Amino acid sequence: MFFQHSTDIWRDFPELVPAALYTEGITATVSPDARIAAHAERAAARLATASEGELPEIQAWRRTFTRMGLKPTQYRCASEALLRRFRKEGSLPRLHPLIDLCNAVSIAHAVPIAVFDVSRITSYVEVGYAAGDETYLTFGGDTEQPPAGEVIFADAAGRAHARRWTNRQSGHSAVRDTTSNVLIVAEALHDTAAKDVESLLATLTDELSTLWPVTPKSAILTPDAPRFEFPGR
């Protein structure tokens, strides 16, 4: 199996810095509370001096959404949506230890992080422009069809695992209590993205290795090395 961005995405968004991580052996039985609190504290410190919309990481995604023809205050990247909720409520909902941890790392770095159950993916995931015949399953169980030209995460079966790039993931490959093997993707486009994504990936790798008995495989992707291969069992 593999993960990659299409050549069209690299052409149109050359500032993109993506990281991909694969690991096996995830369970729903660990408690990441202490680590979540530490990342939430970092996010709170940043929000004490600027709103989420003023952060350079979020501003870059807002510009990208505008370039995609989307109103950035109507459709927000995942990290902005999380930061907005965190600023208003002071915490984030708990869903699954891995998702809760990734959400906390996401708000600490203001970078969207997607997590996919690999058992629900067919052959590969590619971020690219929709052909218009892909299907997307919402968390509510409804099926949608992204229009041609929308940036989606798609697999070989024509399933869209995320819509509007980093706006909304699919319920089909969402992490659940039975999930064991996961693909995690973080993407940034701001000026210091290369350094910041490297830091995020190191943090996430350390957190995963501390909370679970796992040995993650990861890479930062580039136009010259755009593909991340993983076992996908």
Protein backbone atom coordinates (compact mmCIF):
# COMPACT_ATOMS: atom_id res chain seq x y z
CA MET A 1 0.00 0.00 0.00
CA PHE A 2 1.07 3.60 -0.37
CA PHE A 3 0.14 7.23 0.24
CA GLN A 4 0.95 10.10 -2.08
CA HIS A 5 -0.17 13.42 -3.54
CA SER A 6 -0.92 13.64 -7.25
CA THR A 7 1.47 15.46 -9.53
CA ASP A 8 -1.26 18.07 -10.07
CA ILE A 9 -1.33 18.87 -6.34
CA TRP A 10 2.46 19.27 -6.23
CA ARG A 11 2.26 21.49 -9.32
CA ASP A 12 -0.47 23.71 -7.94
CA PHE A 13 0.74 23.83 -4.33
CA PRO A 14 4.56 23.69 -4.45
CA GLU A 15 4.75 25.09 -0.90
CA LEU A 16 3.14 21.90 0.47
CA VAL A 17 5.03 19.99 3.18
CA PRO A 18 3.33 16.67 4.04
CA ALA A 19 4.34 14.00 6.53
CA ALA A 20 3.03 10.44 6.62
CA LEU A 21 3.29 7.89 9.41
CA TYR A 22 2.21 4.26 9.60
CA THR A 23 2.05 2.11 12.68
CA GLU A 24 0.58 -1.18 13.82
CA GLY A 25 -0.58 -2.25 17.25
CA ILE A 26 -2.86 0.63 18.23
CA THR A 27 -5.40 -0.16 20.94
CA ALA A 28 -8.14 1.81 22.67
CA THR A 29 -6.98 0.91 26.18
CA VAL A 30 -4.28 3.50 26.90
CA SER A 31 -4.77 6.84 28.67
CA PRO A 32 -3.16 9.82 26.92
CA ASP A 33 -4.58 12.39 29.36
CA ALA A 34 -1.24 13.76 30.59
CA ARG A 35 0.12 14.16 27.08
CA ILE A 36 -3.10 15.76 25.85
CA ALA A 37 -2.92 18.28 28.69
CA ALA A 38 0.62 19.27 27.73
CA HIS A 39 -0.32 19.88 24.10
CA ALA A 40 -3.48 21.73 25.10
CA GLU A 41 -1.38 24.01 27.28
CA ARG A 42 0.79 24.89 24.30
CA ALA A 43 -2.27 25.61 22.18
CA ALA A 44 -3.79 27.78 24.91
CA ALA A 45 -0.58 29.80 25.14
CA ARG A 46 -0.68 30.54 21.42
CA LEU A 47 -4.36 31.45 21.53
CA ALA A 48 -3.70 33.83 24.42
CA THR A 49 -1.86 36.16 22.03
CA ALA A 50 -3.70 35.55 18.74
CA SER A 51 -6.91 34.03 17.45
CA GLU A 52 -6.65 30.82 15.44
CA GLY A 53 -7.32 32.77 12.24
CA GLU A 54 -4.23 34.91 12.86
CA LEU A 55 -1.82 31.98 13.12
CA PRO A 56 0.42 31.63 10.05
CA GLU A 57 -0.33 27.91 9.76
CA ILE A 58 -4.08 28.62 9.55
CA GLN A 59 -3.69 31.66 7.31
CA ALA A 60 -1.86 29.49 4.78
CA TRP A 61 -4.72 26.99 4.73
CA ARG A 62 -7.26 29.81 4.41
CA ARG A 63 -5.42 31.07 1.34
CA THR A 64 -5.37 27.54 -0.05
CA PHE A 65 -9.10 27.08 0.50
CA THR A 66 -9.72 30.39 -1.29
CA ARG A 67 -7.61 29.16 -4.21
CA MET A 68 -9.78 26.02 -4.29
CA GLY A 69 -12.87 28.20 -4.63
CA LEU A 70 -14.05 27.64 -1.05
CA LYS A 71 -15.07 30.31 1.43
CA PRO A 72 -12.46 29.79 4.20
CA THR A 73 -14.80 30.87 7.02
CA GLN A 74 -17.43 28.38 5.83
CA TYR A 75 -15.09 25.47 5.18
CA ARG A 76 -12.20 25.35 7.64
CA CYS A 77 -9.19 23.07 7.69
CA ALA A 78 -9.37 20.50 10.48
CA SER A 79 -6.81 22.21 12.73
CA GLU A 80 -8.63 25.54 12.56
CA ALA A 81 -11.94 23.87 13.41
CA LEU A 82 -10.33 22.15 16.39
CA LEU A 83 -8.61 25.33 17.59
CA ARG A 84 -11.84 27.28 17.27
CA ARG A 85 -13.70 24.73 19.36
CA PHE A 86 -10.86 24.57 21.89
CA ARG A 87 -10.81 28.37 22.24
CA LYS A 88 -14.56 28.49 22.85
CA GLU A 89 -14.93 25.44 25.11
CA GLY A 90 -11.50 25.04 26.67
CA SER A 91 -11.27 21.37 25.72
CA LEU A 92 -11.94 18.92 22.92
CA PRO A 93 -14.33 15.93 22.93
CA ARG A 94 -12.83 12.53 23.65
CA LEU A 95 -13.34 9.95 20.91
CA HIS A 96 -10.49 7.40 20.97
CA PRO A 97 -7.04 7.61 22.61
CA LEU A 98 -5.25 7.92 19.26
CA ILE A 99 -7.67 10.48 17.83
CA ASP A 100 -7.60 12.46 21.08
CA LEU A 101 -3.79 12.51 21.02
CA CYS A 102 -3.60 13.52 17.34
CA ASN A 103 -6.17 16.26 17.90
CA ALA A 104 -4.09 17.60 20.78
CA VAL A 105 -0.90 17.55 18.70
CA SER A 106 -2.82 19.22 15.88
CA ILE A 107 -3.95 22.19 17.99
CA ALA A 108 -0.50 22.53 19.56
CA HIS A 109 1.07 22.85 16.11
CA ALA A 110 -1.96 24.38 14.31
CA VAL A 111 -1.47 21.80 11.55
CA PRO A 112 -4.23 19.44 10.34
CA ILE A 113 -3.68 15.76 11.06
CA ALA A 114 -5.72 13.00 9.44
CA VAL A 115 -5.88 9.45 10.83
CA PHE A 116 -7.13 6.51 8.77
CA ASP A 117 -7.91 2.90 9.68
CA VAL A 118 -5.76 1.09 7.10
CA SER A 119 -8.06 -1.95 7.08
CA ARG A 120 -10.70 0.28 5.50
CA ILE A 121 -8.49 1.50 2.65
CA THR A 122 -8.12 -0.23 -0.73
CA SER A 123 -4.55 -0.38 -2.11
CA TYR A 124 -3.56 3.28 -1.65
CA VAL A 125 -4.58 6.80 -0.68
CA GLU A 126 -3.87 9.68 -3.04
CA VAL A 127 -4.60 13.35 -2.45
CA GLY A 128 -5.75 14.75 -5.76
CA TYR A 129 -8.56 16.29 -7.75
CA ALA A 130 -11.78 14.28 -7.79
CA ALA A 131 -12.94 12.76 -11.06
CA GLY A 132 -16.54 13.21 -9.90
CA ASP A 133 -17.48 9.55 -9.55
CA GLU A 134 -16.00 8.90 -6.10
CA THR A 135 -18.21 8.22 -3.08
CA TYR A 136 -17.86 9.70 0.40
CA LEU A 137 -19.50 8.30 3.54
CA THR A 138 -20.35 10.87 6.19
CA PHE A 139 -20.13 10.15 9.92
CA GLY A 140 -23.92 10.23 9.92
CA GLY A 141 -24.08 7.38 7.40
CA ASP A 142 -25.05 9.42 4.34
CA THR A 143 -23.31 8.97 0.99
CA GLU A 144 -22.07 12.01 -0.93
CA GLN A 145 -20.37 12.43 -4.29
CA PRO A 146 -17.64 15.10 -4.32
CA PRO A 147 -17.81 17.18 -7.51
CA ALA A 148 -15.11 16.87 -10.14
CA GLY A 149 -12.14 19.05 -9.29
CA GLU A 150 -12.57 18.96 -5.52
CA VAL A 151 -9.39 17.98 -3.64
CA ILE A 152 -10.01 14.64 -1.93
CA PHE A 153 -8.18 11.70 -0.38
CA ALA A 154 -9.16 8.76 -2.62
CA ASP A 155 -8.34 5.06 -2.75
CA ALA A 156 -8.35 2.44 -5.51
CA ALA A 157 -12.01 1.60 -4.87
CA GLY A 158 -13.09 5.15 -5.60
CA ARG A 159 -13.82 6.00 -1.99
CA ALA A 160 -13.17 9.55 -0.86
CA HIS A 161 -11.64 9.32 2.61
CA ALA A 162 -11.59 13.10 3.05
CA ARG A 163 -13.35 15.99 1.32
CA ARG A 164 -12.15 19.51 0.53
CA TRP A 165 -8.59 18.38 1.27
CA THR A 166 -8.24 18.94 5.04
CA ASN A 167 -11.83 19.94 5.77
CA ARG A 168 -13.67 16.72 6.61
CA GLN A 169 -12.72 13.04 6.90
CA SER A 170 -14.95 10.12 6.02
CA GLY A 171 -16.73 7.87 8.46
CA HIS A 172 -15.72 4.86 6.38
CA SER A 173 -12.06 4.83 7.47
CA ALA A 174 -12.50 6.52 10.84
CA VAL A 175 -10.59 5.02 13.77
CA ARG A 176 -12.73 2.80 16.00
CA ASP A 177 -12.09 0.62 19.05
CA THR A 178 -11.14 -2.34 16.84
CA THR A 179 -8.60 -0.32 14.81
CA SER A 180 -5.03 -1.62 14.97
CA ASN A 181 -3.09 -0.33 11.94
CA VAL A 182 -3.26 3.32 11.03
CA LEU A 183 -2.02 5.84 8.48
CA ILE A 184 -1.49 9.35 9.87
CA VAL A 185 -1.02 12.35 7.57
CA ALA A 186 -0.05 15.92 8.52
CA GLU A 187 0.11 18.71 5.94
CA ALA A 188 1.23 22.34 6.08
CA LEU A 189 1.82 25.17 3.62
CA HIS A 190 3.11 28.11 5.69
CA ASP A 191 6.58 29.65 5.37
CA THR A 192 8.21 27.58 8.12
CA ALA A 193 6.31 24.39 7.29
CA ALA A 194 9.42 22.29 6.63
CA LYS A 195 10.80 22.88 10.11
CA ASP A 196 7.43 22.73 11.84
CA VAL A 197 6.26 19.52 10.18
CA GLU A 198 9.54 17.86 11.07
CA SER A 199 8.98 18.89 14.70
CA LEU A 200 5.38 17.67 14.63
CA LEU A 201 6.41 14.31 13.19
CA ALA A 202 9.10 13.84 15.84
CA THR A 203 6.60 14.72 18.57
CA LEU A 204 3.97 12.37 17.25
CA THR A 205 6.44 9.51 16.83
CA ASP A 206 7.67 9.96 20.40
CA GLU A 207 4.14 10.11 21.79
CA LEU A 208 3.02 6.99 19.96
CA SER A 209 6.09 5.04 21.05
CA THR A 210 5.54 6.11 24.64
CA LEU A 211 1.84 5.29 24.85
CA TRP A 212 1.79 2.09 22.79
CA PRO A 213 4.41 -0.66 22.20
CA VAL A 214 4.80 0.40 18.56
CA THR A 215 7.58 1.30 16.15
CA PRO A 216 6.16 3.83 13.69
CA LYS A 217 7.45 4.21 10.15
CA SER A 218 7.34 7.75 8.80
CA ALA A 219 8.58 10.15 6.14
CA ILE A 220 8.34 13.75 5.04
CA LEU A 221 7.33 13.75 1.39
CA THR A 222 8.61 15.95 -1.42
CA PRO A 223 7.95 16.29 -5.16
CA ASP A 224 11.08 14.19 -5.76
CA ALA A 225 10.05 11.57 -3.20
CA PRO A 226 6.25 11.82 -3.14
CA ARG A 227 5.30 8.25 -2.21
CA PHE A 228 5.12 6.70 1.28
CA GLU A 229 4.87 2.92 1.19
CA PHE A 230 3.58 0.87 4.11
CA PRO A 231 2.55 -2.76 4.71
CA GLY A 232 -1.16 -2.13 5.08
CA ARG A 233 -2.07 -5.40 6.71
